[in-house]
Amino acid sequence: MLSTYFPQDWRRYQSVPILGPVMNRYASWLDEQQYTWRSARYELRMADRVAGYFSRRGLGRIEDLEPQHLHACHRWFRQRYPSEVGAFRLLVRFLRESGGIEEPVAAPPTSQADAYVRAFMAHLDEVRGYAPATVRRQGQIAAEFLGWLHVAERPERLSVLNAGDLEGFTARLSKRMGRVGLQKPIAILRNFLRFLAAGGVIATGLDELIDRPRVYREEQLPRALPWSTVEALLASIDRTSPIGKRDFAIFSLMTTYGLRACDVVGLMLDDIHWRGTLIRVRQSKTGKPVDLPLTEVVSDAIRDYLRHARRQGPHRQVFLRIRAPQGTLKPTAVIEAFQAWSRRSGLDIPYKGAHCIRHSYALHLLRQGVPLKTIGDLLGHRSPESTSTYLRLATEDLRTVALPLPVPTSFDKERPR
């Protein structure tokens, strides 16, 4: 495979120190990950630099690589080639997947603060059963709080923790977050304080000294676009490229069925019944599948994408990454695609999230006279209250049922005050 990328120098790459025996496999792996010819050549050149770094430090085999060697090389890459550090991470990923190096074992805590954070995350995982992403997020806030207190240098700082310290950290968070954004970090901080109090590290009751900012239900209107803007955005997507074909199919699903981004990326090939003109959507929040008619527009969009997109590997998801490395999409990819096409369209779209399409879809159905119960079933709402919030957006319809303003009578004018 190396000869494909380096017709004249492939022998030199095969004989580089340490990594030479696996360079050909690395080239094949890059091809499997759908890296282009130019990008694969770049990654192989970066691997040559990594091999030179390890060779200058007296290492002779891949088996000799230890975690400290990888950390040192990572720091060297960040200093010497800051824009190319991703190539080093990609090489390490290949070595781990191919069994060249073992997965890193968790290093022992470097400080008392690190020990507290790790114990807290283990508690969330093993006792509370939180999702891995939630555990990581709560661990980040806990580490930031202890770092702000300088607990690593002064472990006794927690024993004298008081309300002023909590207010100071909350003020720090408020500099980069709004009232709504502060809710989760403060809830995480209270959770961490209860954990520390249960272990006798801090006094009990400190978690009750701080409260989350008041956010009132339905204080903000759902973010919805005019349906003509949604249609114009969909029509502006360039469908001459595989990425455009994929994104057009994604947003066709969202504008036709009002799907969430997580529902779209979770759609499987087996969920589409072409002959029965049926599509099965598994609602992420309710966990219940919903069978919907497969419209001709959506069917043609998905077919066009599947025919022209390169697919490799065992993935059964409908929508995959187009650019290397190959793999499944995340909901954030849908948001990024929405932002990119919004900028290119030149339309007046003030919102950054693709969820506004879902709100626009609900309002569009409401103005078409579709009953709230039907809209709620399509959107996967558990409660009618979740659907009724869209009534506040139908201002033109609400004007027809508004009561007239009371007109003062002559009796009201003559009545003494």
Protein backbone atom coordinates (compact mmCIF):
# COMPACT_ATOMS: atom_id res chain seq x y z
CA MET A 1 0.00 0.00 0.00
CA LEU A 2 2.91 2.36 0.62
CA SER A 3 3.84 2.23 -3.06
CA THR A 4 0.47 3.79 -3.87
CA TYR A 5 1.37 6.92 -1.93
CA PHE A 6 5.14 6.94 -2.47
CA PRO A 7 5.97 5.16 -5.76
CA GLN A 8 9.69 5.93 -5.43
CA ASP A 9 10.30 6.24 -1.67
CA TRP A 10 8.09 3.50 -0.29
CA ARG A 11 11.10 1.41 0.76
CA ARG A 12 12.43 4.27 2.87
CA TYR A 13 9.14 4.54 4.74
CA GLN A 14 9.12 0.80 5.27
CA SER A 15 12.54 0.98 6.89
CA VAL A 16 12.01 3.95 9.23
CA PRO A 17 12.99 3.17 12.84
CA ILE A 18 10.40 1.73 15.21
CA LEU A 19 7.36 2.31 12.95
CA GLY A 20 8.75 0.79 9.75
CA PRO A 21 7.14 -2.67 10.24
CA VAL A 22 3.67 -1.14 10.60
CA MET A 23 3.85 1.67 8.04
CA ASN A 24 2.27 -0.42 5.30
CA ARG A 25 -0.59 -1.40 7.60
CA TYR A 26 -0.95 2.23 8.61
CA ALA A 27 -1.31 3.21 4.95
CA SER A 28 -4.02 0.56 4.46
CA TRP A 29 -5.80 1.70 7.61
CA LEU A 30 -5.84 5.29 6.36
CA ASP A 31 -7.39 4.11 3.11
CA GLU A 32 -10.06 2.19 5.04
CA GLN A 33 -10.83 5.36 6.98
CA GLN A 34 -11.51 7.09 3.65
CA TYR A 35 -8.56 9.47 3.81
CA THR A 36 -7.79 10.96 0.42
CA TRP A 37 -4.52 10.22 -1.36
CA ARG A 38 -3.13 13.63 -0.41
CA SER A 39 -4.23 13.45 3.23
CA ALA A 40 -2.85 9.91 3.64
CA ARG A 41 0.55 11.04 2.31
CA TYR A 42 0.52 13.85 4.86
CA GLU A 43 -0.30 11.49 7.76
CA LEU A 44 2.46 9.08 6.70
CA ARG A 45 4.99 11.92 6.58
CA MET A 46 3.97 12.95 10.10
CA ALA A 47 4.43 9.34 11.24
CA ASP A 48 7.96 9.51 9.85
CA ARG A 49 8.64 12.54 12.08
CA VAL A 50 7.27 10.68 15.10
CA ALA A 51 9.54 7.72 14.34
CA GLY A 52 12.52 10.08 14.13
CA TYR A 53 11.66 11.59 17.52
CA PHE A 54 11.52 8.19 19.22
CA SER A 55 14.71 7.04 17.49
CA ARG A 56 16.66 10.08 18.74
CA ARG A 57 15.66 9.12 22.27
CA GLY A 58 17.07 5.62 22.00
CA LEU A 59 13.87 3.64 21.47
CA GLY A 60 14.13 0.72 19.06
CA ARG A 61 10.78 -1.13 19.04
CA ILE A 62 7.10 -0.33 19.31
CA GLU A 63 6.96 -2.61 22.34
CA ASP A 64 9.35 -0.21 24.11
CA LEU A 65 6.89 2.68 23.94
CA GLU A 66 5.56 3.64 27.35
CA PRO A 67 2.86 6.20 28.22
CA GLN A 68 5.50 8.72 29.29
CA HIS A 69 7.13 8.46 25.87
CA LEU A 70 3.81 9.19 24.14
CA HIS A 71 3.13 12.14 26.45
CA ALA A 72 6.59 13.56 25.80
CA CYS A 73 6.18 13.21 22.03
CA HIS A 74 2.77 14.87 22.22
CA ARG A 75 4.27 17.85 24.05
CA TRP A 76 7.08 18.04 21.48
CA PHE A 77 4.58 18.04 18.61
CA ARG A 78 2.53 20.78 20.27
CA GLN A 79 5.62 22.97 20.59
CA ARG A 80 7.29 22.17 17.26
CA TYR A 81 4.29 21.58 15.00
CA PRO A 82 1.22 23.00 16.81
CA SER A 83 -1.02 22.79 13.74
CA GLU A 84 -0.11 19.15 13.08
CA VAL A 85 -0.61 17.63 16.53
CA GLY A 86 -3.75 15.88 15.25
CA ALA A 87 -1.54 13.66 13.09
CA PHE A 88 0.18 12.34 16.22
CA ARG A 89 -3.18 11.56 17.87
CA LEU A 90 -4.29 9.71 14.73
CA LEU A 91 -1.14 7.58 14.73
CA VAL A 92 -1.62 6.70 18.41
CA ARG A 93 -5.21 5.73 17.67
CA PHE A 94 -4.05 3.37 14.92
CA LEU A 95 -1.39 1.80 17.15
CA ARG A 96 -3.95 1.14 19.87
CA GLU A 97 -6.56 -0.29 17.52
CA SER A 98 -4.00 -2.53 15.84
CA GLY A 99 -2.60 -3.76 19.17
CA GLY A 100 0.78 -2.08 18.74
CA ILE A 101 0.45 -0.34 22.09
CA GLU A 102 -1.90 -0.98 24.97
CA GLU A 103 -4.64 1.30 26.18
CA PRO A 104 -3.31 3.70 28.81
CA VAL A 105 -3.86 2.71 32.40
CA ALA A 106 -5.24 5.46 34.59
CA ALA A 107 -2.34 7.21 36.27
CA PRO A 108 -2.46 7.58 40.04
CA PRO A 109 -3.87 10.86 41.35
CA THR A 110 -1.34 13.68 41.16
CA SER A 111 -2.89 15.66 44.03
CA GLN A 112 -5.60 15.53 46.66
CA ALA A 113 -7.85 17.58 44.38
CA ASP A 114 -7.40 15.03 41.60
CA ALA A 115 -8.29 12.24 44.04
CA TYR A 116 -11.52 14.02 45.03
CA VAL A 117 -12.56 14.48 41.40
CA ARG A 118 -11.84 10.85 40.50
CA ALA A 119 -13.75 9.56 43.50
CA PHE A 120 -16.68 11.80 42.61
CA MET A 121 -16.74 10.56 39.01
CA ALA A 122 -16.50 6.94 40.14
CA HIS A 123 -19.44 7.54 42.48
CA LEU A 124 -21.52 8.99 39.64
CA ASP A 125 -20.67 6.05 37.40
CA GLU A 126 -20.90 3.11 39.79
CA VAL A 127 -23.50 4.28 42.33
CA ARG A 128 -25.65 6.81 40.51
CA GLY A 129 -25.42 5.13 37.09
CA TYR A 130 -24.92 8.35 35.13
CA ALA A 131 -24.11 8.31 31.43
CA PRO A 132 -20.38 8.66 30.58
CA ALA A 133 -20.90 12.11 29.03
CA THR A 134 -22.68 13.29 32.18
CA VAL A 135 -19.91 11.91 34.38
CA ARG A 136 -17.28 13.76 32.36
CA ARG A 137 -19.21 17.03 32.46
CA GLN A 138 -19.72 16.88 36.22
CA GLY A 139 -16.06 15.97 36.71
CA GLN A 140 -15.03 19.05 34.72
CA ILE A 141 -17.05 21.39 36.93
CA ALA A 142 -15.75 19.71 40.08
CA ALA A 143 -12.15 20.03 38.86
CA GLU A 144 -12.69 23.68 37.95
CA PHE A 145 -14.11 24.38 41.41
CA LEU A 146 -11.19 22.75 43.22
CA GLY A 147 -8.74 24.47 40.88
CA TRP A 148 -10.29 27.84 41.67
CA LEU A 149 -9.83 27.09 45.38
CA HIS A 150 -6.19 25.92 44.80
CA VAL A 151 -6.92 22.72 46.71
CA ALA A 152 -3.96 20.98 45.05
CA GLU A 153 -1.56 23.37 46.82
CA ARG A 154 -3.71 23.86 49.94
CA PRO A 155 -5.70 20.71 50.76
CA GLU A 156 -6.90 22.24 54.03
CA ARG A 157 -8.83 24.83 52.05
CA LEU A 158 -11.93 22.61 51.93
CA SER A 159 -12.14 22.31 55.71
CA VAL A 160 -12.86 26.04 55.99
CA LEU A 161 -15.10 26.32 52.94
CA ASN A 162 -17.81 28.96 53.41
CA ALA A 163 -20.63 30.74 51.60
CA GLY A 164 -18.28 33.47 50.34
CA ASP A 165 -16.23 30.88 48.46
CA LEU A 166 -19.34 29.49 46.80
CA GLU A 167 -20.53 32.96 45.82
CA GLY A 168 -17.10 33.75 44.38
CA PHE A 169 -17.08 30.65 42.19
CA THR A 170 -20.64 31.34 41.05
CA ALA A 171 -19.58 34.87 40.09
CA ARG A 172 -16.71 33.36 38.10
CA LEU A 173 -19.11 31.12 36.18
CA SER A 174 -21.51 34.01 35.54
CA LYS A 175 -18.84 35.85 33.54
CA ARG A 176 -19.16 33.32 30.72
CA MET A 177 -22.71 32.01 31.23
CA GLY A 178 -26.16 33.51 31.29
CA ARG A 179 -28.96 32.89 33.73
CA VAL A 180 -30.16 29.80 31.90
CA GLY A 181 -26.66 28.43 31.33
CA LEU A 182 -25.80 28.69 35.03
CA GLN A 183 -28.46 26.22 36.06
CA LYS A 184 -26.59 23.03 35.25
CA PRO A 185 -23.14 24.02 36.61
CA ILE A 186 -24.67 25.15 39.90
CA ALA A 187 -26.67 21.92 40.16
CA ILE A 188 -23.43 20.00 39.53
CA LEU A 189 -21.64 22.04 42.21
CA ARG A 190 -24.36 21.28 44.75
CA ASN A 191 -24.11 17.59 43.86
CA PHE A 192 -20.34 17.69 44.38
CA LEU A 193 -20.72 19.48 47.73
CA ARG A 194 -23.14 16.79 48.94
CA PHE A 195 -20.64 14.13 47.90
CA LEU A 196 -17.81 15.83 49.82
CA ALA A 197 -20.04 16.31 52.86
CA ALA A 198 -21.00 12.61 52.85
CA GLY A 199 -17.30 11.76 53.03
CA GLY A 200 -16.67 14.17 55.88
CA VAL A 201 -14.43 16.41 53.79
CA ILE A 202 -16.58 19.55 54.24
CA ALA A 203 -19.34 20.60 56.60
CA THR A 204 -22.87 19.49 55.81
CA GLY A 205 -25.44 21.93 54.51
CA LEU A 206 -23.17 23.99 52.28
CA ASP A 207 -25.06 22.81 49.20
CA GLU A 208 -28.16 24.58 50.54
CA LEU A 209 -26.39 27.95 50.62
CA ILE A 210 -26.49 28.33 46.84
CA ASP A 211 -29.50 28.10 44.59
CA ARG A 212 -29.91 27.94 40.85
CA PRO A 213 -31.04 31.09 39.00
CA ARG A 214 -34.77 31.39 38.61
CA VAL A 215 -35.88 30.34 35.14
CA TYR A 216 -39.62 30.40 34.65
CA ARG A 217 -41.39 27.88 32.53
CA GLU A 218 -42.20 29.10 29.03
CA GLU A 219 -40.69 32.51 29.74
CA GLN A 220 -39.25 32.43 26.22
CA LEU A 221 -41.05 31.68 22.98
CA PRO A 222 -39.99 28.59 20.99
CA ARG A 223 -37.49 29.53 18.30
CA ALA A 224 -39.31 29.18 15.01
CA LEU A 225 -38.62 30.42 11.49
CA PRO A 226 -41.18 31.39 8.85
CA TRP A 227 -41.95 28.28 6.82
CA SER A 228 -40.96 30.08 3.64
CA THR A 229 -37.49 30.57 5.12
CA VAL A 230 -37.25 26.86 5.95
CA GLU A 231 -38.19 25.94 2.39
CA ALA A 232 -35.69 28.45 1.00
CA LEU A 233 -32.93 27.01 3.19
CA LEU A 234 -33.69 23.50 1.96
CA ALA A 235 -33.68 24.65 -1.67
CA SER A 236 -30.32 26.46 -1.21
CA ILE A 237 -28.39 23.26 -0.37
CA ASP A 238 -25.97 22.35 -3.14
CA ARG A 239 -26.68 18.73 -4.08
CA THR A 240 -23.80 18.27 -6.50
CA SER A 241 -21.46 16.94 -3.80
CA PRO A 242 -21.84 13.91 -1.49
CA ILE A 243 -21.93 16.22 1.55
CA GLY A 244 -24.69 18.28 -0.03
CA LYS A 245 -26.69 15.15 -0.89
CA ARG A 246 -26.33 13.89 2.69
CA ASP A 247 -27.29 17.20 4.29
CA PHE A 248 -30.25 17.65 1.93
CA ALA A 249 -31.54 14.22 2.98
CA ILE A 250 -31.03 15.09 6.66
CA PHE A 251 -32.92 18.37 6.49
CA SER A 252 -35.61 16.83 4.29
CA LEU A 253 -36.29 14.41 7.15
CA MET A 254 -36.38 17.25 9.66
CA THR A 255 -38.70 19.45 7.61
CA THR A 256 -41.02 16.56 6.70
CA TYR A 257 -41.32 14.87 10.10
CA GLY A 258 -39.96 17.43 12.59
CA LEU A 259 -37.26 15.06 13.82
CA ARG A 260 -34.62 15.92 16.37
CA ALA A 261 -30.96 15.87 15.34
CA CYS A 262 -30.35 12.81 17.57
CA ASP A 263 -33.26 10.99 15.91
CA VAL A 264 -31.85 11.66 12.46
CA VAL A 265 -28.33 10.42 13.20
CA GLY A 266 -29.80 7.36 14.93
CA LEU A 267 -31.81 6.34 11.86
CA MET A 268 -30.82 2.86 10.65
CA LEU A 269 -31.00 1.35 7.18
CA ASP A 270 -33.39 -1.28 8.51
CA ASP A 271 -35.79 1.48 9.63
CA ILE A 272 -36.61 2.38 6.03
CA HIS A 273 -39.14 0.09 4.36
CA TRP A 274 -38.91 1.05 0.71
CA ARG A 275 -41.62 -1.25 -0.64
CA GLY A 276 -44.02 -0.47 2.15
CA THR A 277 -43.28 3.27 1.84
CA LEU A 278 -42.80 3.40 5.60
CA ILE A 279 -40.10 4.85 7.85
CA ARG A 280 -39.73 3.92 11.50
CA VAL A 281 -38.35 6.61 13.81
CA ARG A 282 -37.22 5.76 17.32
CA GLN A 283 -37.97 8.80 19.45
CA SER A 284 -34.92 9.44 21.62
CA LYS A 285 -36.89 10.89 24.53
CA THR A 286 -39.84 8.53 24.71
CA GLY A 287 -37.95 5.47 23.48
CA LYS A 288 -40.97 4.41 21.43
CA PRO A 289 -40.84 3.80 17.66
CA VAL A 290 -43.17 5.81 15.46
CA ASP A 291 -44.14 4.55 11.99
CA LEU A 292 -44.51 7.38 9.47
CA PRO A 293 -45.33 7.33 5.75
CA LEU A 294 -42.23 7.58 3.58
CA THR A 295 -42.87 10.55 1.33
CA GLU A 296 -41.56 10.69 -2.22
CA VAL A 297 -39.36 13.72 -1.47
CA VAL A 298 -37.64 12.06 1.47
CA SER A 299 -37.33 8.73 -0.36
CA ASP A 300 -35.68 10.35 -3.38
CA ALA A 301 -33.32 12.38 -1.19
CA ILE A 302 -32.13 9.36 0.79
CA ARG A 303 -31.77 7.23 -2.35
CA ASP A 304 -29.71 9.91 -4.05
CA TYR A 305 -27.42 10.17 -1.02
CA LEU A 306 -26.97 6.39 -0.64
CA ARG A 307 -26.16 5.94 -4.33
CA HIS A 308 -23.39 8.55 -4.41
CA ALA A 309 -21.91 8.36 -0.89
CA ARG A 310 -19.01 6.00 -0.31
CA ARG A 311 -19.81 3.55 2.47
CA GLN A 312 -17.36 1.16 4.10
CA GLY A 313 -17.39 -0.89 7.24
CA PRO A 314 -20.20 -2.52 9.20
CA HIS A 315 -22.11 0.69 9.99
CA ARG A 316 -25.89 0.35 9.64
CA GLN A 317 -26.68 4.01 10.29
CA VAL A 318 -28.09 5.81 7.28
CA PHE A 319 -25.95 8.92 7.67
CA LEU A 320 -22.18 8.61 7.99
CA ARG A 321 -19.23 10.94 7.84
CA ILE A 322 -18.20 11.91 4.33
CA ARG A 323 -14.72 13.12 5.19
CA ALA A 324 -12.13 10.94 6.88
CA PRO A 325 -12.04 9.33 9.33
CA GLN A 326 -15.05 7.24 8.40
CA GLY A 327 -17.65 6.72 11.09
CA THR A 328 -21.09 7.65 12.35
CA LEU A 329 -22.40 11.16 12.81
CA LYS A 330 -23.07 12.90 16.09
CA PRO A 331 -25.97 15.29 16.68
CA THR A 332 -23.48 18.16 16.77
CA ALA A 333 -22.65 17.41 13.12
CA VAL A 334 -26.24 18.23 12.18
CA ILE A 335 -25.98 21.53 14.06
CA GLU A 336 -22.72 22.39 12.29
CA ALA A 337 -24.26 21.56 8.91
CA PHE A 338 -27.26 23.78 9.70
CA GLN A 339 -24.98 26.67 10.59
CA ALA A 340 -22.87 26.20 7.45
CA TRP A 341 -25.83 26.12 5.04
CA SER A 342 -27.48 29.03 6.84
CA ARG A 343 -24.41 31.17 6.22
CA ARG A 344 -24.17 30.14 2.58
CA SER A 345 -27.86 30.74 1.91
CA GLY A 346 -27.72 34.39 2.93
CA LEU A 347 -31.15 34.06 4.58
CA ASP A 348 -32.15 35.88 7.72
CA ILE A 349 -31.74 33.02 10.19
CA PRO A 350 -30.91 34.36 13.67
CA TYR A 351 -30.73 30.93 15.35
CA LYS A 352 -27.64 28.73 15.61
CA GLY A 353 -29.32 25.42 16.40
CA ALA A 354 -31.09 23.07 14.02
CA HIS A 355 -33.85 22.54 16.61
CA CYS A 356 -35.57 25.66 15.29
CA ILE A 357 -36.62 23.55 12.27
CA ARG A 358 -38.60 21.31 14.63
CA HIS A 359 -40.34 24.32 16.15
CA SER A 360 -41.03 25.74 12.68
CA TYR A 361 -42.50 22.40 11.61
CA ALA A 362 -44.86 22.32 14.61
CA LEU A 363 -46.03 25.87 13.97
CA HIS A 364 -46.51 25.10 10.26
CA LEU A 365 -48.76 22.13 11.09
CA LEU A 366 -50.69 24.21 13.61
CA ARG A 367 -51.41 26.88 11.01
CA GLN A 368 -52.54 24.16 8.60
CA GLY A 369 -55.25 23.20 11.09
CA VAL A 370 -53.67 19.95 12.30
CA PRO A 371 -54.97 19.04 15.81
CA LEU A 372 -52.60 19.43 18.73
CA LYS A 373 -52.92 15.74 19.60
CA THR A 374 -51.69 14.75 16.13
CA ILE A 375 -48.81 17.22 16.29
CA GLY A 376 -47.80 15.88 19.68
CA ASP A 377 -47.82 12.30 18.40
CA LEU A 378 -45.65 13.23 15.42
CA LEU A 379 -43.17 15.09 17.59
CA GLY A 380 -43.08 12.36 20.22
CA HIS A 381 -44.37 14.50 23.09
CA ARG A 382 -45.41 12.67 26.23
CA SER A 383 -47.63 15.45 27.54
CA PRO A 384 -50.10 17.73 25.72
CA GLU A 385 -48.53 20.64 27.61
CA SER A 386 -45.33 20.20 25.59
CA THR A 387 -47.30 20.71 22.37
CA SER A 388 -49.54 23.50 23.59
CA THR A 389 -46.54 25.81 23.96
CA TYR A 390 -46.63 26.27 20.17
CA LEU A 391 -50.02 27.95 20.51
CA ARG A 392 -48.17 31.03 21.72
CA LEU A 393 -46.50 31.32 18.32
CA ALA A 394 -49.78 31.30 16.37
CA THR A 395 -50.34 35.01 17.01
CA GLU A 396 -52.54 35.53 13.95
CA ASP A 397 -54.87 32.76 15.07
CA LEU A 398 -54.92 34.03 18.65
CA ARG A 399 -56.06 37.47 17.47
CA THR A 400 -59.27 35.94 16.14
CA VAL A 401 -60.30 34.76 19.62
CA ALA A 402 -59.12 37.80 21.57
CA LEU A 403 -61.77 39.64 23.57
CA PRO A 404 -62.39 43.30 22.74
CA LEU A 405 -61.04 45.95 25.06
CA PRO A 406 -63.67 47.21 27.52
CA VAL A 407 -65.04 50.66 26.67
CA PRO A 408 -65.84 52.92 29.66
CA THR A 409 -69.56 53.73 29.99
CA SER A 410 -71.14 57.01 31.06
CA PHE A 411 -71.76 55.50 34.48
CA ASP A 412 -68.02 54.81 34.85
CA LYS A 413 -67.24 58.42 33.96
CA GLU A 414 -69.73 59.92 36.44
CA ARG A 415 -68.87 57.61 39.33
CA PRO A 416 -66.99 59.53 42.06
CA ARG A 417 -63.46 58.40 42.80
